[in-house]
Amino acid sequence: MTGSSDEYDVFGDGTVVLKAAPGHSPGHQVLVVNLPKTGRVMIAGDLYHYPQERTLKRPPPDTEFNVAQSAASRVMVEEYLRKTKTVIWIEHDFVHNATLKKSPQYYD
């Protein structure tokens, strides 16, 4: 475990951390990787589907298992991102996804 009970440090060195972010589904998680050159990146899973959801500050009621949990997870994640200076990647964001490196390129 890392700093709190909602995290699991996969290798015990802070390079790969799973964080609980329930709401979209009961066991939903986000993944944080700390890369030597790129830095800290959170892969959001289905926490957010579009960047606009971050500014609207409300989860879509028709796609969430538990809207209240999802809203609480989003507040927790936003605080974590701010506090740790972690960048978030929203996989459903077509515009951002188009700018990301694709195999055989990689982030280090």
PDB file of N, CA and C in Angstrom:
ATOM      1  N   MET A   1       0.831  -1.188   0.000  1.00  0.00           N
ATOM      2  CA  MET A   1       0.000   0.000   0.000  1.00  0.00           C
ATOM      3  C   MET A   1       0.875   1.250   0.000  1.00  0.00           C
ATOM      4  N   THR A   2       0.329   2.313  -0.543  1.00  0.00           N
ATOM      5  CA  THR A   2       1.029   3.593  -0.491  1.00  0.00           C
ATOM      6  C   THR A   2       0.419   4.425   0.620  1.00  0.00           C
ATOM      7  N   GLY A   3       0.320   5.724   0.422  1.00  0.00           N
ATOM      8  CA  GLY A   3      -0.074   6.650   1.458  1.00  0.00           C
ATOM      9  C   GLY A   3      -1.469   6.506   2.031  1.00  0.00           C
ATOM     10  N   SER A   4      -2.407   5.896   1.346  1.00  0.00           N
ATOM     11  CA  SER A   4      -3.754   5.789   1.893  1.00  0.00           C
ATOM     12  C   SER A   4      -4.375   4.452   1.523  1.00  0.00           C
ATOM     13  N   SER A   5      -5.492   4.144   2.168  1.00  0.00           N
ATOM     14  CA  SER A   5      -6.126   2.846   1.976  1.00  0.00           C
ATOM     15  C   SER A   5      -6.828   2.721   0.623  1.00  0.00           C
ATOM     16  N   ASP A   6      -6.960   3.814  -0.116  1.00  0.00           N
ATOM     17  CA  ASP A   6      -7.603   3.734  -1.427  1.00  0.00           C
ATOM     18  C   ASP A   6      -6.590   3.508  -2.549  1.00  0.00           C
ATOM     19  N   GLU A   7      -5.356   3.180  -2.198  1.00  0.00           N
ATOM     20  CA  GLU A   7      -4.293   2.993  -3.191  1.00  0.00           C
ATOM     21  C   GLU A   7      -3.626   1.638  -3.019  1.00  0.00           C
ATOM     22  N   TYR A   8      -3.121   1.111  -4.129  1.00  0.00           N
ATOM     23  CA  TYR A   8      -2.291  -0.082  -4.088  1.00  0.00           C
ATOM     24  C   TYR A   8      -1.061   0.184  -4.941  1.00  0.00           C
ATOM     25  N   ASP A   9       0.091   0.192  -4.324  1.00  0.00           N
ATOM     26  CA  ASP A   9       1.370   0.416  -5.002  1.00  0.00           C
ATOM     27  C   ASP A   9       1.830  -0.936  -5.543  1.00  0.00           C
ATOM     28  N   VAL A  10       1.681  -1.134  -6.839  1.00  0.00           N
ATOM     29  CA  VAL A  10       1.883  -2.436  -7.471  1.00  0.00           C
ATOM     30  C   VAL A  10       3.281  -2.996  -7.213  1.00  0.00           C
ATOM     31  N   PHE A  11       4.329  -2.186  -7.376  1.00  0.00           N
ATOM     32  CA  PHE A  11       5.698  -2.673  -7.221  1.00  0.00           C
ATOM     33  C   PHE A  11       6.347  -2.210  -5.920  1.00  0.00           C
ATOM     34  N   GLY A  12       5.633  -1.431  -5.129  1.00  0.00           N
ATOM     35  CA  GLY A  12       6.153  -0.960  -3.857  1.00  0.00           C
ATOM     36  C   GLY A  12       7.132   0.195  -3.972  1.00  0.00           C
ATOM     37  N   ASP A  13       7.244   0.787  -5.174  1.00  0.00           N
ATOM     38  CA  ASP A  13       8.200   1.882  -5.357  1.00  0.00           C
ATOM     39  C   ASP A  13       7.555   3.161  -5.900  1.00  0.00           C
ATOM     40  N   GLY A  14       6.232   3.191  -5.995  1.00  0.00           N
ATOM     41  CA  GLY A  14       5.530   4.379  -6.460  1.00  0.00           C
ATOM     42  C   GLY A  14       5.479   4.561  -7.963  1.00  0.00           C
ATOM     43  N   THR A  15       6.011   3.609  -8.734  1.00  0.00           N
ATOM     44  CA  THR A  15       6.014   3.770 -10.189  1.00  0.00           C
ATOM     45  C   THR A  15       4.674   3.418 -10.824  1.00  0.00           C
ATOM     46  N   VAL A  16       3.923   2.519 -10.199  1.00  0.00           N
ATOM     47  CA  VAL A  16       2.615   2.117 -10.709  1.00  0.00           C
ATOM     48  C   VAL A  16       1.675   1.981  -9.518  1.00  0.00           C
ATOM     49  N   VAL A  17       0.652   2.831  -9.495  1.00  0.00           N
ATOM     50  CA  VAL A  17      -0.270   2.847  -8.360  1.00  0.00           C
ATOM     51  C   VAL A  17      -1.707   2.760  -8.874  1.00  0.00           C
ATOM     52  N   LEU A  18      -2.458   1.837  -8.317  1.00  0.00           N
ATOM     53  CA  LEU A  18      -3.889   1.744  -8.575  1.00  0.00           C
ATOM     54  C   LEU A  18      -4.609   2.532  -7.491  1.00  0.00           C
ATOM     55  N   LYS A  19      -5.553   3.379  -7.906  1.00  0.00           N
ATOM     56  CA  LYS A  19      -6.331   4.170  -6.946  1.00  0.00           C
ATOM     57  C   LYS A  19      -7.809   3.827  -7.117  1.00  0.00           C
ATOM     58  N   ALA A  20      -8.464   3.571  -6.007  1.00  0.00           N
ATOM     59  CA  ALA A  20      -9.895   3.323  -6.039  1.00  0.00           C
ATOM     60  C   ALA A  20     -10.608   4.583  -6.495  1.00  0.00           C
ATOM     61  N   ALA A  21     -11.552   4.422  -7.411  1.00  0.00           N
ATOM     62  CA  ALA A  21     -12.366   5.540  -7.901  1.00  0.00           C
ATOM     63  C   ALA A  21     -13.753   4.997  -8.249  1.00  0.00           C
ATOM     64  N   PRO A  22     -14.449   4.428  -7.251  1.00  0.00           N
ATOM     65  CA  PRO A  22     -15.741   3.789  -7.532  1.00  0.00           C
ATOM     66  C   PRO A  22     -16.800   4.793  -7.957  1.00  0.00           C
ATOM     67  N   GLY A  23     -17.783   4.270  -8.619  1.00  0.00           N
ATOM     68  CA  GLY A  23     -18.903   5.096  -9.047  1.00  0.00           C
ATOM     69  C   GLY A  23     -19.350   4.715 -10.442  1.00  0.00           C
ATOM     70  N   HIS A  24     -18.431   4.757 -11.393  1.00  0.00           N
ATOM     71  CA  HIS A  24     -18.787   4.313 -12.738  1.00  0.00           C
ATOM     72  C   HIS A  24     -19.177   2.847 -12.676  1.00  0.00           C
ATOM     73  N   SER A  25     -18.397   2.092 -11.915  1.00  0.00           N
ATOM     74  CA  SER A  25     -18.697   0.707 -11.585  1.00  0.00           C
ATOM     75  C   SER A  25     -18.271   0.502 -10.132  1.00  0.00           C
ATOM     76  N   PRO A  26     -18.755  -0.538  -9.457  1.00  0.00           N
ATOM     77  CA  PRO A  26     -18.442  -0.698  -8.033  1.00  0.00           C
ATOM     78  C   PRO A  26     -16.946  -0.740  -7.724  1.00  0.00           C
ATOM     79  N   GLY A  27     -16.149  -1.388  -8.544  1.00  0.00           N
ATOM     80  CA  GLY A  27     -14.722  -1.500  -8.265  1.00  0.00           C
ATOM     81  C   GLY A  27     -13.842  -0.669  -9.177  1.00  0.00           C
ATOM     82  N   HIS A  28     -14.392   0.375  -9.757  1.00  0.00           N
ATOM     83  CA  HIS A  28     -13.627   1.172 -10.720  1.00  0.00           C
ATOM     84  C   HIS A  28     -12.351   1.717 -10.095  1.00  0.00           C
ATOM     85  N   GLN A  29     -11.281   1.719 -10.886  1.00  0.00           N
ATOM     86  CA  GLN A  29      -9.983   2.226 -10.453  1.00  0.00           C
ATOM     87  C   GLN A  29      -9.382   3.092 -11.543  1.00  0.00           C
ATOM     88  N   VAL A  30      -8.439   3.920 -11.152  1.00  0.00           N
ATOM     89  CA  VAL A  30      -7.606   4.650 -12.098  1.00  0.00           C
ATOM     90  C   VAL A  30      -6.175   4.177 -11.881  1.00  0.00           C
ATOM     91  N   LEU A  31      -5.351   4.352 -12.889  1.00  0.00           N
ATOM     92  CA  LEU A  31      -3.965   3.906 -12.827  1.00  0.00           C
ATOM     93  C   LEU A  31      -3.045   5.108 -12.923  1.00  0.00           C
ATOM     94  N   VAL A  32      -2.104   5.200 -11.997  1.00  0.00           N
ATOM     95  CA  VAL A  32      -1.113   6.276 -12.014  1.00  0.00           C
ATOM     96  C   VAL A  32       0.249   5.636 -12.264  1.00  0.00           C
ATOM     97  N   VAL A  33       0.929   6.133 -13.295  1.00  0.00           N
ATOM     98  CA  VAL A  33       2.290   5.672 -13.571  1.00  0.00           C
ATOM     99  C   VAL A  33       3.226   6.861 -13.426  1.00  0.00           C
ATOM    100  N   ASN A  34       4.380   6.605 -12.857  1.00  0.00           N
ATOM    101  CA  ASN A  34       5.390   7.648 -12.679  1.00  0.00           C
ATOM    102  C   ASN A  34       6.579   7.272 -13.552  1.00  0.00           C
ATOM    103  N   LEU A  35       6.669   7.918 -14.710  1.00  0.00           N
ATOM    104  CA  LEU A  35       7.700   7.599 -15.687  1.00  0.00           C
ATOM    105  C   LEU A  35       8.899   8.533 -15.525  1.00  0.00           C
ATOM    106  N   PRO A  36      10.114   8.004 -15.706  1.00  0.00           N
ATOM    107  CA  PRO A  36      11.318   8.804 -15.459  1.00  0.00           C
ATOM    108  C   PRO A  36      11.374  10.134 -16.215  1.00  0.00           C
ATOM    109  N   LYS A  37      11.003  10.147 -17.494  1.00  0.00           N
ATOM    110  CA  LYS A  37      11.084  11.371 -18.289  1.00  0.00           C
ATOM    111  C   LYS A  37       9.738  12.074 -18.430  1.00  0.00           C
ATOM    112  N   THR A  38       8.687  11.326 -18.581  1.00  0.00           N
ATOM    113  CA  THR A  38       7.357  11.894 -18.790  1.00  0.00           C
ATOM    114  C   THR A  38       6.769  12.443 -17.500  1.00  0.00           C
ATOM    115  N   GLY A  39       7.056  11.800 -16.389  1.00  0.00           N
ATOM    116  CA  GLY A  39       6.500  12.202 -15.104  1.00  0.00           C
ATOM    117  C   GLY A  39       5.261  11.403 -14.761  1.00  0.00           C
ATOM    118  N   ARG A  40       4.437  11.959 -13.884  1.00  0.00           N
ATOM    119  CA  ARG A  40       3.255  11.260 -13.378  1.00  0.00           C
ATOM    120  C   ARG A  40       2.080  11.438 -14.340  1.00  0.00           C
ATOM    121  N   VAL A  41       1.476  10.300 -14.708  1.00  0.00           N
ATOM    122  CA  VAL A  41       0.328  10.288 -15.601  1.00  0.00           C
ATOM    123  C   VAL A  41      -0.754   9.403 -14.986  1.00  0.00           C
ATOM    124  N   MET A  42      -1.977   9.913 -14.948  1.00  0.00           N
ATOM    125  CA  MET A  42      -3.110   9.108 -14.512  1.00  0.00           C
ATOM    126  C   MET A  42      -3.897   8.683 -15.736  1.00  0.00           C
ATOM    127  N   ILE A  43      -4.115   7.400 -15.860  1.00  0.00           N
ATOM    128  CA  ILE A  43      -4.967   6.863 -16.911  1.00  0.00           C
ATOM    129  C   ILE A  43      -6.342   6.696 -16.275  1.00  0.00           C
ATOM    130  N   ALA A  44      -7.304   7.472 -16.774  1.00  0.00           N
ATOM    131  CA  ALA A  44      -8.565   7.675 -16.072  1.00  0.00           C
ATOM    132  C   ALA A  44      -9.581   6.551 -16.193  1.00  0.00           C
ATOM    133  N   GLY A  45      -9.389   5.624 -17.115  1.00  0.00           N
ATOM    134  CA  GLY A  45     -10.419   4.608 -17.300  1.00  0.00           C
ATOM    135  C   GLY A  45     -11.723   5.279 -17.685  1.00  0.00           C
ATOM    136  N   ASP A  46     -12.805   4.923 -17.031  1.00  0.00           N
ATOM    137  CA  ASP A  46     -14.107   5.525 -17.320  1.00  0.00           C
ATOM    138  C   ASP A  46     -14.526   6.549 -16.268  1.00  0.00           C
ATOM    139  N   LEU A  47     -13.568   7.044 -15.505  1.00  0.00           N
ATOM    140  CA  LEU A  47     -13.882   8.087 -14.526  1.00  0.00           C
ATOM    141  C   LEU A  47     -14.464   9.307 -15.240  1.00  0.00           C
ATOM    142  N   TYR A  48     -13.840   9.678 -16.337  1.00  0.00           N
ATOM    143  CA  TYR A  48     -14.333  10.748 -17.208  1.00  0.00           C
ATOM    144  C   TYR A  48     -14.417  10.184 -18.617  1.00  0.00           C
ATOM    145  N   HIS A  49     -15.395  10.636 -19.363  1.00  0.00           N
ATOM    146  CA  HIS A  49     -15.496  10.234 -20.762  1.00  0.00           C
ATOM    147  C   HIS A  49     -15.038  11.346 -21.693  1.00  0.00           C
ATOM    148  N   TYR A  50     -15.196  12.597 -21.227  1.00  0.00           N
ATOM    149  CA  TYR A  50     -14.812  13.758 -22.023  1.00  0.00           C
ATOM    150  C   TYR A  50     -14.234  14.810 -21.092  1.00  0.00           C
ATOM    151  N   PRO A  51     -13.305  15.626 -21.562  1.00  0.00           N
ATOM    152  CA  PRO A  51     -12.699  16.648 -20.708  1.00  0.00           C
ATOM    153  C   PRO A  51     -13.723  17.629 -20.125  1.00  0.00           C
ATOM    154  N   GLN A  52     -14.804  17.882 -20.846  1.00  0.00           N
ATOM    155  CA  GLN A  52     -15.815  18.824 -20.374  1.00  0.00           C
ATOM    156  C   GLN A  52     -16.439  18.372 -19.056  1.00  0.00           C
ATOM    157  N   GLU A  53     -16.442  17.079 -18.798  1.00  0.00           N
ATOM    158  CA  GLU A  53     -17.005  16.573 -17.551  1.00  0.00           C
ATOM    159  C   GLU A  53     -16.217  17.080 -16.340  1.00  0.00           C
ATOM    160  N   ARG A  54     -14.950  17.389 -16.539  1.00  0.00           N
ATOM    161  CA  ARG A  54     -14.139  17.918 -15.435  1.00  0.00           C
ATOM    162  C   ARG A  54     -14.583  19.322 -15.066  1.00  0.00           C
ATOM    163  N   THR A  55     -14.949  20.127 -16.042  1.00  0.00           N
ATOM    164  CA  THR A  55     -15.359  21.498 -15.746  1.00  0.00           C
ATOM    165  C   THR A  55     -16.828  21.572 -15.323  1.00  0.00           C
ATOM    166  N   LEU A  56     -17.650  20.661 -15.829  1.00  0.00           N
ATOM    167  CA  LEU A  56     -19.066  20.641 -15.440  1.00  0.00           C
ATOM    168  C   LEU A  56     -19.244  20.146 -14.009  1.00  0.00           C
ATOM    169  N   LYS A  57     -18.294  19.335 -13.540  1.00  0.00           N
ATOM    170  CA  LYS A  57     -18.301  18.802 -12.168  1.00  0.00           C
ATOM    171  C   LYS A  57     -19.564  18.015 -11.848  1.00  0.00           C
ATOM    172  N   ARG A  58     -20.024  17.241 -12.831  1.00  0.00           N
ATOM    173  CA  ARG A  58     -21.137  16.332 -12.557  1.00  0.00           C
ATOM    174  C   ARG A  58     -21.031  15.132 -13.499  1.00  0.00           C
ATOM    175  N   PRO A  59     -21.145  13.939 -12.933  1.00  0.00           N
ATOM    176  CA  PRO A  59     -21.081  12.742 -13.770  1.00  0.00           C
ATOM    177  C   PRO A  59     -22.385  12.542 -14.534  1.00  0.00           C
ATOM    178  N   PRO A  60     -22.312  11.893 -15.668  1.00  0.00           N
ATOM    179  CA  PRO A  60     -23.537  11.633 -16.424  1.00  0.00           C
ATOM    180  C   PRO A  60     -24.391  10.590 -15.691  1.00  0.00           C
ATOM    181  N   PRO A  61     -25.640  10.898 -15.393  1.00  0.00           N
ATOM    182  CA  PRO A  61     -26.459   9.996 -14.586  1.00  0.00           C
ATOM    183  C   PRO A  61     -26.819   8.684 -15.272  1.00  0.00           C
ATOM    184  N   ASP A  62     -26.766   8.644 -16.592  1.00  0.00           N
ATOM    185  CA  ASP A  62     -27.208   7.448 -17.311  1.00  0.00           C
ATOM    186  C   ASP A  62     -26.107   6.406 -17.527  1.00  0.00           C
ATOM    187  N   THR A  63     -24.867   6.707 -17.183  1.00  0.00           N
ATOM    188  CA  THR A  63     -23.785   5.744 -17.406  1.00  0.00           C
ATOM    189  C   THR A  63     -23.085   5.310 -16.117  1.00  0.00           C
ATOM    190  N   GLU A  64     -23.521   5.818 -14.987  1.00  0.00           N
ATOM    191  CA  GLU A  64     -22.827   5.551 -13.729  1.00  0.00           C
ATOM    192  C   GLU A  64     -23.597   4.528 -12.885  1.00  0.00           C
ATOM    193  N   PHE A  65     -22.862   3.606 -12.288  1.00  0.00           N
ATOM    194  CA  PHE A  65     -23.448   2.651 -11.356  1.00  0.00           C
ATOM    195  C   PHE A  65     -23.984   3.377 -10.129  1.00  0.00           C
ATOM    196  N   ASN A  66     -23.182   4.350  -9.631  1.00  0.00           N
ATOM    197  CA  ASN A  66     -23.571   5.121  -8.446  1.00  0.00           C
ATOM    198  C   ASN A  66     -23.095   6.557  -8.655  1.00  0.00           C
ATOM    199  N   VAL A  67     -24.016   7.439  -8.980  1.00  0.00           N
ATOM    200  CA  VAL A  67     -23.682   8.826  -9.323  1.00  0.00           C
ATOM    201  C   VAL A  67     -22.997   9.543  -8.158  1.00  0.00           C
ATOM    202  N   ALA A  68     -23.479   9.343  -6.943  1.00  0.00           N
ATOM    203  CA  ALA A  68     -22.882  10.008  -5.777  1.00  0.00           C
ATOM    204  C   ALA A  68     -21.448   9.537  -5.557  1.00  0.00           C
ATOM    205  N   GLN A  69     -21.207   8.235  -5.685  1.00  0.00           N
ATOM    206  CA  GLN A  69     -19.843   7.712  -5.540  1.00  0.00           C
ATOM    207  C   GLN A  69     -18.941   8.251  -6.637  1.00  0.00           C
ATOM    208  N   SER A  70     -19.455   8.291  -7.844  1.00  0.00           N
ATOM    209  CA  SER A  70     -18.672   8.804  -8.964  1.00  0.00           C
ATOM    210  C   SER A  70     -18.289  10.262  -8.733  1.00  0.00           C
ATOM    211  N   ALA A  71     -19.240  11.059  -8.259  1.00  0.00           N
ATOM    212  CA  ALA A  71     -18.959  12.472  -7.977  1.00  0.00           C
ATOM    213  C   ALA A  71     -17.887  12.588  -6.894  1.00  0.00           C
ATOM    214  N   ALA A  72     -17.980  11.775  -5.849  1.00  0.00           N
ATOM    215  CA  ALA A  72     -16.984  11.803  -4.768  1.00  0.00           C
ATOM    216  C   ALA A  72     -15.614  11.356  -5.282  1.00  0.00           C
ATOM    217  N   SER A  73     -15.581  10.360  -6.138  1.00  0.00           N
ATOM    218  CA  SER A  73     -14.312   9.903  -6.715  1.00  0.00           C
ATOM    219  C   SER A  73     -13.674  10.990  -7.560  1.00  0.00           C
ATOM    220  N   ARG A  74     -14.486  11.717  -8.291  1.00  0.00           N
ATOM    221  CA  ARG A  74     -13.960  12.800  -9.117  1.00  0.00           C
ATOM    222  C   ARG A  74     -13.367  13.913  -8.265  1.00  0.00           C
ATOM    223  N   VAL A  75     -14.009  14.242  -7.163  1.00  0.00           N
ATOM    224  CA  VAL A  75     -13.458  15.255  -6.257  1.00  0.00           C
ATOM    225  C   VAL A  75     -12.117  14.771  -5.715  1.00  0.00           C
ATOM    226  N   MET A  76     -12.048  13.517  -5.279  1.00  0.00           N
ATOM    227  CA  MET A  76     -10.814  12.947  -4.741  1.00  0.00           C
ATOM    228  C   MET A  76      -9.701  12.957  -5.792  1.00  0.00           C
ATOM    229  N   VAL A  77     -10.044  12.560  -7.001  1.00  0.00           N
ATOM    230  CA  VAL A  77      -9.042  12.497  -8.072  1.00  0.00           C
ATOM    231  C   VAL A  77      -8.544  13.892  -8.426  1.00  0.00           C
ATOM    232  N   GLU A  78      -9.427  14.862  -8.524  1.00  0.00           N
ATOM    233  CA  GLU A  78      -9.002  16.228  -8.860  1.00  0.00           C
ATOM    234  C   GLU A  78      -8.045  16.771  -7.798  1.00  0.00           C
ATOM    235  N   GLU A  79      -8.319  16.497  -6.541  1.00  0.00           N
ATOM    236  CA  GLU A  79      -7.431  16.922  -5.456  1.00  0.00           C
ATOM    237  C   GLU A  79      -6.078  16.221  -5.572  1.00  0.00           C
ATOM    238  N   TYR A  80      -6.109  14.938  -5.856  1.00  0.00           N
ATOM    239  CA  TYR A  80      -4.882  14.159  -6.033  1.00  0.00           C
ATOM    240  C   TYR A  80      -4.053  14.720  -7.192  1.00  0.00           C
ATOM    241  N   LEU A  81      -4.706  14.998  -8.320  1.00  0.00           N
ATOM    242  CA  LEU A  81      -4.006  15.538  -9.489  1.00  0.00           C
ATOM    243  C   LEU A  81      -3.332  16.860  -9.146  1.00  0.00           C
ATOM    244  N   ARG A  82      -4.071  17.728  -8.443  1.00  0.00           N
ATOM    245  CA  ARG A  82      -3.539  19.039  -8.069  1.00  0.00           C
ATOM    246  C   ARG A  82      -2.362  18.883  -7.105  1.00  0.00           C
ATOM    247  N   LYS A  83      -2.551  18.085  -6.085  1.00  0.00           N
ATOM    248  CA  LYS A  83      -1.552  17.930  -5.034  1.00  0.00           C
ATOM    249  C   LYS A  83      -0.267  17.274  -5.551  1.00  0.00           C
ATOM    250  N   THR A  84      -0.398  16.320  -6.459  1.00  0.00           N
ATOM    251  CA  THR A  84       0.767  15.560  -6.924  1.00  0.00           C
ATOM    252  C   THR A  84       1.290  16.025  -8.282  1.00  0.00           C
ATOM    253  N   LYS A  85       0.625  17.036  -8.861  1.00  0.00           N
ATOM    254  CA  LYS A  85       1.015  17.545 -10.185  1.00  0.00           C
ATOM    255  C   LYS A  85       1.042  16.414 -11.229  1.00  0.00           C
ATOM    256  N   THR A  86       0.000  15.610 -11.180  1.00  0.00           N
ATOM    257  CA  THR A  86      -0.155  14.493 -12.109  1.00  0.00           C
ATOM    258  C   THR A  86      -1.012  14.940 -13.287  1.00  0.00           C
ATOM    259  N   VAL A  87      -0.640  14.519 -14.489  1.00  0.00           N
ATOM    260  CA  VAL A  87      -1.403  14.792 -15.707  1.00  0.00           C
ATOM    261  C   VAL A  87      -2.424  13.667 -15.868  1.00  0.00           C
ATOM    262  N   ILE A  88      -3.625  14.002 -16.313  1.00  0.00           N
ATOM    263  CA  ILE A  88      -4.645  12.982 -16.525  1.00  0.00           C
ATOM    264  C   ILE A  88      -4.838  12.738 -18.012  1.00  0.00           C
ATOM    265  N   TRP A  89      -4.929  11.476 -18.389  1.00  0.00           N
ATOM    266  CA  TRP A  89      -5.257  11.091 -19.758  1.00  0.00           C
ATOM    267  C   TRP A  89      -6.646  10.498 -19.747  1.00  0.00           C
ATOM    268  N   ILE A  90      -7.549  11.101 -20.511  1.00  0.00           N
ATOM    269  CA  ILE A  90      -8.921  10.624 -20.630  1.00  0.00           C
ATOM    270  C   ILE A  90      -8.998   9.867 -21.944  1.00  0.00           C
ATOM    271  N   GLU A  91      -9.068   8.551 -21.847  1.00  0.00           N
ATOM    272  CA  GLU A  91      -8.976   7.701 -23.043  1.00  0.00           C
ATOM    273  C   GLU A  91     -10.092   7.944 -24.046  1.00  0.00           C
ATOM    274  N   HIS A  92     -11.260   8.346 -23.584  1.00  0.00           N
ATOM    275  CA  HIS A  92     -12.381   8.586 -24.499  1.00  0.00           C
ATOM    276  C   HIS A  92     -12.257   9.922 -25.233  1.00  0.00           C
ATOM    277  N   ASP A  93     -11.307  10.746 -24.849  1.00  0.00           N
ATOM    278  CA  ASP A  93     -11.118  12.056 -25.474  1.00  0.00           C
ATOM    279  C   ASP A  93     -10.408  11.871 -26.812  1.00  0.00           C
ATOM    280  N   PHE A  94     -11.181  11.849 -27.886  1.00  0.00           N
ATOM    281  CA  PHE A  94     -10.650  11.582 -29.218  1.00  0.00           C
ATOM    282  C   PHE A  94      -9.554  12.576 -29.611  1.00  0.00           C
ATOM    283  N   VAL A  95      -9.752  13.847 -29.301  1.00  0.00           N
ATOM    284  CA  VAL A  95      -8.781  14.881 -29.685  1.00  0.00           C
ATOM    285  C   VAL A  95      -7.447  14.652 -28.964  1.00  0.00           C
ATOM    286  N   HIS A  96      -7.484  14.443 -27.658  1.00  0.00           N
ATOM    287  CA  HIS A  96      -6.243  14.205 -26.908  1.00  0.00           C
ATOM    288  C   HIS A  96      -5.617  12.869 -27.303  1.00  0.00           C
ATOM    289  N   ASN A  97      -6.443  11.856 -27.453  1.00  0.00           N
ATOM    290  CA  ASN A  97      -5.935  10.534 -27.806  1.00  0.00           C
ATOM    291  C   ASN A  97      -5.176  10.581 -29.132  1.00  0.00           C
ATOM    292  N   ALA A  98      -5.618  11.392 -30.051  1.00  0.00           N
ATOM    293  CA  ALA A  98      -4.947  11.497 -31.356  1.00  0.00           C
ATOM    294  C   ALA A  98      -3.534  12.066 -31.232  1.00  0.00           C
ATOM    295  N   THR A  99      -3.259  12.803 -30.147  1.00  0.00           N
ATOM    296  CA  THR A  99      -1.927  13.396 -29.962  1.00  0.00           C
ATOM    297  C   THR A  99      -0.956  12.469 -29.238  1.00  0.00           C
ATOM    298  N   LEU A 100      -1.461  11.372 -28.678  1.00  0.00           N
ATOM    299  CA  LEU A 100      -0.601  10.472 -27.911  1.00  0.00           C
ATOM    300  C   LEU A 100       0.219   9.567 -28.819  1.00  0.00           C
ATOM    301  N   LYS A 101       1.386   9.196 -28.331  1.00  0.00           N
ATOM    302  CA  LYS A 101       2.241   8.271 -29.076  1.00  0.00           C
ATOM    303  C   LYS A 101       1.553   6.917 -29.182  1.00  0.00           C
ATOM    304  N   LYS A 102       1.735   6.287 -30.320  1.00  0.00           N
ATOM    305  CA  LYS A 102       1.194   4.948 -30.551  1.00  0.00           C
ATOM    306  C   LYS A 102       2.363   4.008 -30.834  1.00  0.00           C
ATOM    307  N   SER A 103       2.180   2.748 -30.517  1.00  0.00           N
ATOM    308  CA  SER A 103       3.219   1.738 -30.753  1.00  0.00           C
ATOM    309  C   SER A 103       3.649   1.779 -32.212  1.00  0.00           C
ATOM    310  N   PRO A 104       4.933   1.723 -32.479  1.00  0.00           N
ATOM    311  CA  PRO A 104       6.048   1.319 -31.603  1.00  0.00           C
ATOM    312  C   PRO A 104       6.657   2.460 -30.776  1.00  0.00           C
ATOM    313  N   GLN A 105       6.122   3.671 -30.894  1.00  0.00           N
ATOM    314  CA  GLN A 105       6.606   4.750 -30.037  1.00  0.00           C
ATOM    315  C   GLN A 105       6.162   4.460 -28.600  1.00  0.00           C
ATOM    316  N   TYR A 106       6.777   5.121 -27.644  1.00  0.00           N
ATOM    317  CA  TYR A 106       6.416   4.893 -26.243  1.00  0.00           C
ATOM    318  C   TYR A 106       6.814   6.089 -25.396  1.00  0.00           C
ATOM    319  N   TYR A 107       6.275   6.101 -24.205  1.00  0.00           N
ATOM    320  CA  TYR A 107       6.609   7.125 -23.224  1.00  0.00           C
ATOM    321  C   TYR A 107       7.587   6.527 -22.237  1.00  0.00           C
ATOM    322  N   ASP A 108       8.582   7.319 -21.838  1.00  0.00           N
ATOM    323  CA  ASP A 108       9.524   6.824 -20.832  1.00  0.00           C
ATOM    324  C   ASP A 108       9.732   7.846 -19.751  1.00  0.00           C
TER     325      ASP A 108
END
